[in-house]
Amino acid sequence: MTDTSTQTGTATPFAPLHDPSTRGFASDNYAGIHPEVLAALVAANGGHQVAYGEDVYTARLTEVLGEVFGTGVGVFPVFNGTGANVLALQACTPRWSSVLTTSSAHIHVDEAAAPERVGGFKVNVIDTPDGKLTPELIRAYPARVEDEHFAQVGVVSITNSTEVGTVYTPAEIRAIADLVHDLGWVLHLDGSRLSNAAAALGVGLRELTTDAGVDILSLGGTKCGAMLAEAVVVLSPERVHGTTFLRKQSMQLASKMRFVSAQLLALFEGDLWRRNAEHANAMARRLADGVAGIEGLELPHEVEANAVFPILPRESSERLMESFRFYFWDEASGQVRWMCAWDTTEGDVDRFVEAVRAELG
């Protein structure tokens, strides 16, 4: 029998099936893996590490995120953002309770009812003009406390930066957290773009989470330069239960977890998360500045993070989509979403701006 213990194999060269120079503006998920994250994956490869999170990379990640968010936090790496949200909300939602969020929230609009079908809890929503909850909106919500016919609210979920590109400040989150805790509820934060919010405000991740009263966090990595890496971070262990078991039940327990943890380490052990987010935000501002004042195009909201939400004629958007991929956000008004990523370049933005100018004349 051949001894393969020392065989390393020969790498097979592969040519990309696409033009790596092309860029879209539909989502920051379109971007590739940041070179530093890719290098971390390569460094983590080779040899054996204990499976299911008992590896040195996951142990180090727990230490690092403890330094970022505060000692004693629980760290649970997962594959994707929907999985992180479902797991986090399950861990703090009793069987009889529901989650309260905005009508534009990802958990309500874009997760194919996974929170309700997989998590087993109802999602109740509040309409907001800017994608943000406030204490006043929460107080005005008819929660029907102690009404046995109503799924009792147990968790409030906010997103930062929001699905419409706005950003919560630490003070705004603290005001929500104080009310939520006074009501005996739990505060969850969907942080798929938390890095962009922190970079936009020039604050740290802890200031927008632990210090602001957030109890449990879905921490995003994929949109900030990772391949597939998110984490549920338990900030208030006394309000969250069963995360270890629920992760397995939710099919989010990675056997080779070192490769998920290594990606998050590359982002959060240093300042790569901030560098990537600052760049994406800057490209979005450049894009907004470039199209500002073009006749036939309206920018109803100031750009706060890495998203631009302009309104322009539908037929113009459809023609632009033939060369630049992006989405309609509001079919009725013609509003679209343009997203910038860690790898968006000034040249990408400028070419797109010129295309918009040419289209609108």
Protein backbone atom coordinates (compact mmCIF):
# COMPACT_ATOMS: atom_id res chain seq x y z
CA MET A 1 0.00 0.00 0.00
CA THR A 2 1.31 3.44 -0.88
CA ASP A 3 2.14 5.73 2.03
CA THR A 4 0.33 9.00 1.34
CA SER A 5 1.12 10.63 4.67
CA THR A 6 3.69 12.97 3.17
CA GLN A 7 2.06 13.56 -0.20
CA THR A 8 0.97 17.15 -0.67
CA GLY A 9 -0.36 16.86 -4.20
CA THR A 10 0.12 19.21 -7.12
CA ALA A 11 -2.01 22.31 -7.46
CA THR A 12 -4.11 22.39 -10.62
CA PRO A 13 -4.18 25.82 -12.24
CA PHE A 14 -7.66 27.16 -12.90
CA ALA A 15 -8.60 30.12 -15.06
CA PRO A 16 -11.53 32.28 -13.86
CA LEU A 17 -14.79 31.88 -15.74
CA HIS A 18 -15.44 35.62 -15.47
CA ASP A 19 -13.58 38.87 -16.03
CA PRO A 20 -12.21 39.74 -12.56
CA SER A 21 -12.10 43.41 -13.51
CA THR A 22 -15.88 43.71 -13.84
CA ARG A 23 -17.85 45.21 -10.96
CA GLY A 24 -21.52 45.38 -10.10
CA PHE A 25 -23.39 47.72 -7.78
CA ALA A 26 -26.14 45.33 -6.69
CA SER A 27 -24.60 44.03 -3.48
CA ASP A 28 -21.42 43.97 -1.45
CA ASN A 29 -21.88 40.18 -1.55
CA TYR A 30 -20.67 40.32 -5.16
CA ALA A 31 -17.12 41.13 -4.04
CA GLY A 32 -14.50 38.44 -3.77
CA ILE A 33 -12.49 37.46 -0.73
CA HIS A 34 -10.08 40.07 0.61
CA PRO A 35 -6.46 38.95 0.06
CA GLU A 36 -5.73 39.09 3.80
CA VAL A 37 -8.71 36.83 4.50
CA LEU A 38 -7.66 34.47 1.73
CA ALA A 39 -4.14 34.36 3.18
CA ALA A 40 -5.60 33.53 6.59
CA LEU A 41 -7.52 30.62 5.06
CA VAL A 42 -4.37 29.29 3.42
CA ALA A 43 -2.45 29.64 6.68
CA ALA A 44 -5.16 27.69 8.52
CA ASN A 45 -4.98 24.86 6.00
CA GLY A 46 -2.75 21.83 6.38
CA GLY A 47 -2.45 19.46 9.26
CA HIS A 48 -5.22 18.44 11.63
CA GLN A 49 -7.31 20.52 14.00
CA VAL A 50 -10.08 19.21 16.23
CA ALA A 51 -13.47 19.55 14.54
CA TYR A 52 -16.66 21.38 15.56
CA GLY A 53 -14.97 24.37 17.16
CA GLU A 54 -12.40 22.76 19.43
CA ASP A 55 -9.60 24.20 17.31
CA VAL A 56 -7.03 26.86 18.10
CA TYR A 57 -8.49 29.33 15.59
CA THR A 58 -11.93 29.32 17.18
CA ALA A 59 -10.36 29.59 20.63
CA ARG A 60 -8.35 32.60 19.48
CA LEU A 61 -11.45 34.13 17.87
CA THR A 62 -13.25 33.92 21.21
CA GLU A 63 -10.35 35.75 22.83
CA VAL A 64 -10.27 38.42 20.14
CA LEU A 65 -14.00 39.10 20.16
CA GLY A 66 -13.83 39.18 23.94
CA GLU A 67 -11.32 42.00 23.57
CA VAL A 68 -13.57 43.73 21.02
CA PHE A 69 -16.95 43.35 22.74
CA GLY A 70 -16.07 42.64 26.38
CA THR A 71 -14.96 39.71 28.47
CA GLY A 72 -17.38 36.87 28.97
CA VAL A 73 -19.08 37.09 25.58
CA GLY A 74 -20.14 33.88 23.87
CA VAL A 75 -18.90 33.43 20.30
CA PHE A 76 -20.63 31.09 17.84
CA PRO A 77 -19.27 31.13 14.27
CA VAL A 78 -21.84 30.27 11.60
CA PHE A 79 -22.05 30.10 7.81
CA ASN A 80 -24.35 32.96 6.80
CA GLY A 81 -26.37 35.93 7.93
CA THR A 82 -29.79 34.32 7.84
CA GLY A 83 -28.47 31.46 9.93
CA ALA A 84 -26.96 33.93 12.39
CA ASN A 85 -30.23 35.81 12.74
CA VAL A 86 -32.37 32.70 13.15
CA LEU A 87 -29.98 31.23 15.71
CA ALA A 88 -29.65 34.46 17.68
CA LEU A 89 -33.38 35.09 17.82
CA GLN A 90 -34.19 31.49 18.73
CA ALA A 91 -31.78 31.70 21.65
CA CYS A 92 -33.67 34.57 23.29
CA THR A 93 -37.27 33.93 22.20
CA PRO A 94 -39.58 31.76 24.30
CA ARG A 95 -41.99 29.56 22.37
CA TRP A 96 -44.92 31.86 23.02
CA SER A 97 -43.25 35.14 22.12
CA SER A 98 -42.53 37.14 19.00
CA VAL A 99 -39.92 39.49 17.56
CA LEU A 100 -40.64 43.15 16.88
CA THR A 101 -38.72 44.87 14.08
CA THR A 102 -39.12 47.30 11.17
CA SER A 103 -41.13 46.56 8.03
CA SER A 104 -37.90 46.84 6.00
CA ALA A 105 -35.89 44.46 8.21
CA HIS A 106 -34.02 41.65 6.52
CA ILE A 107 -35.55 39.11 8.89
CA HIS A 108 -38.99 40.19 7.67
CA VAL A 109 -38.43 40.87 3.97
CA ASP A 110 -35.46 38.89 2.69
CA GLU A 111 -35.08 35.65 4.64
CA ALA A 112 -37.93 33.68 3.04
CA ALA A 113 -39.72 33.45 6.39
CA ALA A 114 -36.80 31.43 7.82
CA PRO A 115 -37.17 33.11 11.25
CA GLU A 116 -40.79 31.98 11.39
CA ARG A 117 -40.54 28.60 9.66
CA VAL A 118 -37.18 27.50 11.10
CA GLY A 119 -37.05 29.60 14.25
CA GLY A 120 -40.69 29.00 15.11
CA PHE A 121 -41.51 32.53 16.24
CA LYS A 122 -43.64 35.28 14.73
CA VAL A 123 -42.13 38.49 13.36
CA ASN A 124 -44.19 41.64 13.98
CA VAL A 125 -43.27 44.85 12.20
CA ILE A 126 -43.49 48.62 12.51
CA ASP A 127 -43.42 50.95 9.50
CA THR A 128 -40.62 53.50 9.71
CA PRO A 129 -39.61 56.35 7.39
CA ASP A 130 -35.87 55.62 7.63
CA GLY A 131 -35.53 51.94 8.53
CA LYS A 132 -34.90 52.77 12.20
CA LEU A 133 -36.90 52.04 15.32
CA THR A 134 -37.25 54.62 18.08
CA PRO A 135 -38.52 54.37 21.66
CA GLU A 136 -41.58 56.33 20.59
CA LEU A 137 -42.43 53.88 17.81
CA ILE A 138 -41.96 50.91 20.15
CA ARG A 139 -44.15 52.47 22.87
CA ALA A 140 -46.88 53.15 20.32
CA TYR A 141 -46.92 49.55 19.11
CA PRO A 142 -50.02 47.66 20.33
CA ALA A 143 -48.17 44.84 22.07
CA ARG A 144 -51.32 43.50 23.83
CA VAL A 145 -49.37 42.48 26.90
CA GLU A 146 -50.81 39.42 28.70
CA ASP A 147 -53.34 38.87 25.88
CA GLU A 148 -53.26 35.11 25.34
CA HIS A 149 -54.49 35.53 21.76
CA PHE A 150 -51.41 37.56 20.74
CA ALA A 151 -47.83 36.36 20.30
CA GLN A 152 -46.20 38.25 23.15
CA VAL A 153 -43.25 40.44 22.16
CA GLY A 154 -40.05 39.16 23.72
CA VAL A 155 -37.35 40.56 21.46
CA VAL A 156 -36.76 43.78 19.55
CA SER A 157 -34.46 43.45 16.54
CA ILE A 158 -32.67 46.37 14.90
CA THR A 159 -30.22 46.46 11.98
CA ASN A 160 -27.10 48.63 11.78
CA SER A 161 -26.44 49.88 9.22
CA THR A 162 -30.08 49.50 8.23
CA GLU A 163 -31.52 47.94 5.12
CA VAL A 164 -32.07 51.44 3.71
CA GLY A 165 -28.52 52.58 4.42
CA THR A 166 -29.16 54.63 7.55
CA VAL A 167 -27.09 54.33 10.72
CA TYR A 168 -28.01 54.13 14.40
CA THR A 169 -25.80 56.13 16.76
CA PRO A 170 -24.76 54.67 20.14
CA ALA A 171 -27.17 57.06 21.88
CA GLU A 172 -30.08 55.94 19.69
CA ILE A 173 -29.37 52.29 20.45
CA ARG A 174 -29.02 52.98 24.17
CA ALA A 175 -32.41 54.70 24.24
CA ILE A 176 -34.00 51.66 22.58
CA ALA A 177 -32.14 49.24 24.87
CA ASP A 178 -33.25 51.04 28.02
CA LEU A 179 -36.90 50.84 26.98
CA VAL A 180 -36.60 47.23 25.81
CA HIS A 181 -35.06 46.16 29.11
CA ASP A 182 -37.65 48.12 31.12
CA LEU A 183 -40.30 46.09 29.29
CA GLY A 184 -38.51 42.86 30.15
CA TRP A 185 -37.52 42.16 26.55
CA VAL A 186 -34.23 41.40 24.78
CA LEU A 187 -32.44 43.56 22.19
CA HIS A 188 -30.98 41.83 19.11
CA LEU A 189 -28.81 43.60 16.55
CA ASP A 190 -28.47 42.38 12.97
CA GLY A 191 -24.92 43.49 12.27
CA SER A 192 -24.37 42.16 8.78
CA ARG A 193 -22.99 45.65 8.01
CA LEU A 194 -22.08 46.69 11.54
CA SER A 195 -18.55 47.46 10.32
CA ASN A 196 -19.94 50.03 7.87
CA ALA A 197 -21.99 51.68 10.62
CA ALA A 198 -19.02 51.90 12.98
CA ALA A 199 -16.76 53.23 10.24
CA ALA A 200 -19.37 55.83 9.24
CA LEU A 201 -19.61 57.11 12.81
CA GLY A 202 -15.91 56.78 13.61
CA VAL A 203 -16.62 54.63 16.67
CA GLY A 204 -15.70 51.15 17.81
CA LEU A 205 -17.83 48.03 17.48
CA ARG A 206 -18.31 47.81 21.24
CA GLU A 207 -19.74 51.33 21.40
CA LEU A 208 -22.57 50.25 19.07
CA THR A 209 -23.28 46.98 20.87
CA THR A 210 -22.20 46.04 24.39
CA ASP A 211 -21.87 49.59 25.69
CA ALA A 212 -25.19 50.56 24.07
CA GLY A 213 -27.14 47.74 25.72
CA VAL A 214 -27.40 45.17 22.92
CA ASP A 215 -27.93 41.65 24.28
CA ILE A 216 -27.13 39.49 21.28
CA LEU A 217 -25.45 40.29 17.97
CA SER A 218 -25.38 38.78 14.50
CA LEU A 219 -21.87 39.83 13.49
CA GLY A 220 -21.26 40.09 9.75
CA GLY A 221 -18.07 39.12 7.96
CA THR A 222 -19.09 38.10 4.45
CA LYS A 223 -20.09 41.56 3.26
CA CYS A 224 -16.84 42.98 4.67
CA GLY A 225 -14.40 40.77 2.78
CA ALA A 226 -14.86 37.21 4.05
CA MET A 227 -15.80 34.21 1.93
CA LEU A 228 -18.52 32.83 4.21
CA ALA A 229 -18.23 33.79 7.83
CA GLU A 230 -20.64 35.29 10.35
CA ALA A 231 -20.95 34.85 14.10
CA VAL A 232 -23.57 35.04 16.80
CA VAL A 233 -22.05 36.96 19.70
CA VAL A 234 -23.88 36.62 23.02
CA LEU A 235 -23.33 39.85 24.95
CA SER A 236 -25.79 39.24 27.81
CA PRO A 237 -25.55 35.54 28.72
CA GLU A 238 -28.25 35.88 31.37
CA ARG A 239 -30.83 36.76 28.69
CA VAL A 240 -29.83 34.12 26.12
CA HIS A 241 -30.12 30.34 26.43
CA GLY A 242 -29.29 27.19 24.48
CA THR A 243 -27.15 28.70 21.75
CA THR A 244 -24.78 25.73 21.68
CA PHE A 245 -27.59 23.27 20.97
CA LEU A 246 -29.62 25.55 18.73
CA ARG A 247 -26.65 26.11 16.43
CA LYS A 248 -26.52 22.38 15.68
CA GLN A 249 -30.31 22.14 15.28
CA SER A 250 -30.20 25.11 12.91
CA MET A 251 -27.59 23.36 10.73
CA GLN A 252 -25.07 26.13 11.39
CA LEU A 253 -22.40 24.07 13.19
CA ALA A 254 -19.36 23.81 10.92
CA SER A 255 -17.30 20.66 11.23
CA LYS A 256 -14.15 22.37 9.92
CA MET A 257 -14.87 25.47 11.93
CA ARG A 258 -11.26 26.64 11.86
CA PHE A 259 -11.86 27.94 8.34
CA VAL A 260 -14.83 30.06 9.41
CA SER A 261 -13.01 31.34 12.48
CA ALA A 262 -9.82 32.11 10.54
CA GLN A 263 -11.76 34.47 8.27
CA LEU A 264 -13.25 36.37 11.21
CA LEU A 265 -9.85 36.51 12.87
CA ALA A 266 -8.40 38.14 9.77
CA LEU A 267 -11.12 40.80 9.90
CA PHE A 268 -11.39 41.54 13.62
CA GLU A 269 -8.01 40.78 15.19
CA GLY A 270 -6.70 43.94 13.58
CA ASP A 271 -8.36 46.78 11.71
CA LEU A 272 -9.16 45.10 8.39
CA TRP A 273 -12.89 45.37 9.12
CA ARG A 274 -12.55 49.13 9.53
CA ARG A 275 -10.32 49.61 6.48
CA ASN A 276 -12.70 47.66 4.27
CA ALA A 277 -15.79 49.42 5.60
CA GLU A 278 -14.29 52.89 5.35
CA HIS A 279 -13.36 52.23 1.74
CA ALA A 280 -16.81 50.91 0.81
CA ASN A 281 -18.45 53.89 2.52
CA ALA A 282 -16.15 56.33 0.74
CA MET A 283 -16.97 54.79 -2.64
CA ALA A 284 -20.69 55.15 -1.94
CA ARG A 285 -20.22 58.82 -1.09
CA ARG A 286 -18.19 59.29 -4.27
CA LEU A 287 -20.98 57.66 -6.25
CA ALA A 288 -23.66 59.82 -4.66
CA ASP A 289 -21.61 62.99 -5.21
CA GLY A 290 -20.99 61.98 -8.81
CA VAL A 291 -24.66 61.63 -9.72
CA ALA A 292 -25.93 64.51 -7.58
CA GLY A 293 -27.49 67.20 -9.73
CA ILE A 294 -28.08 65.00 -12.78
CA GLU A 295 -31.45 65.98 -14.20
CA GLY A 296 -33.97 63.18 -13.89
CA LEU A 297 -32.28 61.58 -10.89
CA GLU A 298 -33.28 62.14 -7.27
CA LEU A 299 -31.34 61.28 -4.12
CA PRO A 300 -33.99 61.26 -1.36
CA HIS A 301 -31.61 60.22 1.43
CA GLU A 302 -28.14 61.26 2.49
CA VAL A 303 -25.58 58.49 2.12
CA GLU A 304 -24.53 57.31 5.57
CA ALA A 305 -22.85 53.96 4.91
CA ASN A 306 -22.10 52.04 1.70
CA ALA A 307 -25.50 52.20 -0.02
CA VAL A 308 -27.06 54.74 -2.37
CA PHE A 309 -30.83 54.73 -3.03
CA PRO A 310 -31.55 57.00 -6.02
CA ILE A 311 -34.80 57.39 -7.93
CA LEU A 312 -34.65 57.56 -11.71
CA PRO A 313 -36.89 56.61 -14.65
CA ARG A 314 -37.52 52.87 -14.77
CA GLU A 315 -36.58 52.54 -18.41
CA SER A 316 -33.25 54.25 -17.73
CA SER A 317 -32.50 51.83 -14.89
CA GLU A 318 -33.37 48.87 -17.10
CA ARG A 319 -30.95 50.05 -19.79
CA LEU A 320 -28.19 50.66 -17.24
CA MET A 321 -28.75 47.17 -15.81
CA GLU A 322 -27.68 45.70 -19.14
CA SER A 323 -24.11 46.75 -18.32
CA PHE A 324 -24.13 47.28 -14.55
CA ARG A 325 -25.97 44.88 -12.25
CA PHE A 326 -28.17 46.45 -9.56
CA TYR A 327 -31.69 46.09 -8.17
CA PHE A 328 -34.97 47.92 -7.98
CA TRP A 329 -35.70 48.76 -4.36
CA ASP A 330 -39.18 50.24 -4.79
CA GLU A 331 -40.90 49.21 -7.99
CA ALA A 332 -43.62 51.83 -7.63
CA SER A 333 -41.33 54.85 -7.30
CA GLY A 334 -38.48 53.60 -9.46
CA GLN A 335 -36.05 53.70 -6.54
CA VAL A 336 -33.01 51.46 -6.93
CA ARG A 337 -30.17 50.37 -4.67
CA TRP A 338 -26.52 50.83 -5.52
CA MET A 339 -24.08 49.13 -3.17
CA CYS A 340 -20.33 49.60 -2.91
CA ALA A 341 -17.94 46.97 -1.55
CA TRP A 342 -14.44 46.70 -0.13
CA ASP A 343 -13.07 46.17 -3.66
CA THR A 344 -15.03 48.92 -5.45
CA THR A 345 -12.53 51.29 -7.07
CA GLU A 346 -12.72 54.96 -7.94
CA GLY A 347 -12.53 53.92 -11.58
CA ASP A 348 -15.53 51.62 -11.12
CA VAL A 349 -17.53 54.46 -9.63
CA ASP A 350 -16.48 57.01 -12.22
CA ARG A 351 -17.34 54.71 -15.14
CA PHE A 352 -20.75 54.08 -13.66
CA VAL A 353 -21.36 57.78 -13.05
CA GLU A 354 -20.50 58.54 -16.68
CA ALA A 355 -22.90 55.83 -17.81
CA VAL A 356 -25.67 57.34 -15.70
CA ARG A 357 -24.94 60.81 -17.09
CA ALA A 358 -24.99 59.50 -20.63
CA GLU A 359 -28.24 57.63 -20.05
CA LEU A 360 -30.05 60.62 -18.55
CA GLY A 361 -28.54 63.02 -21.06
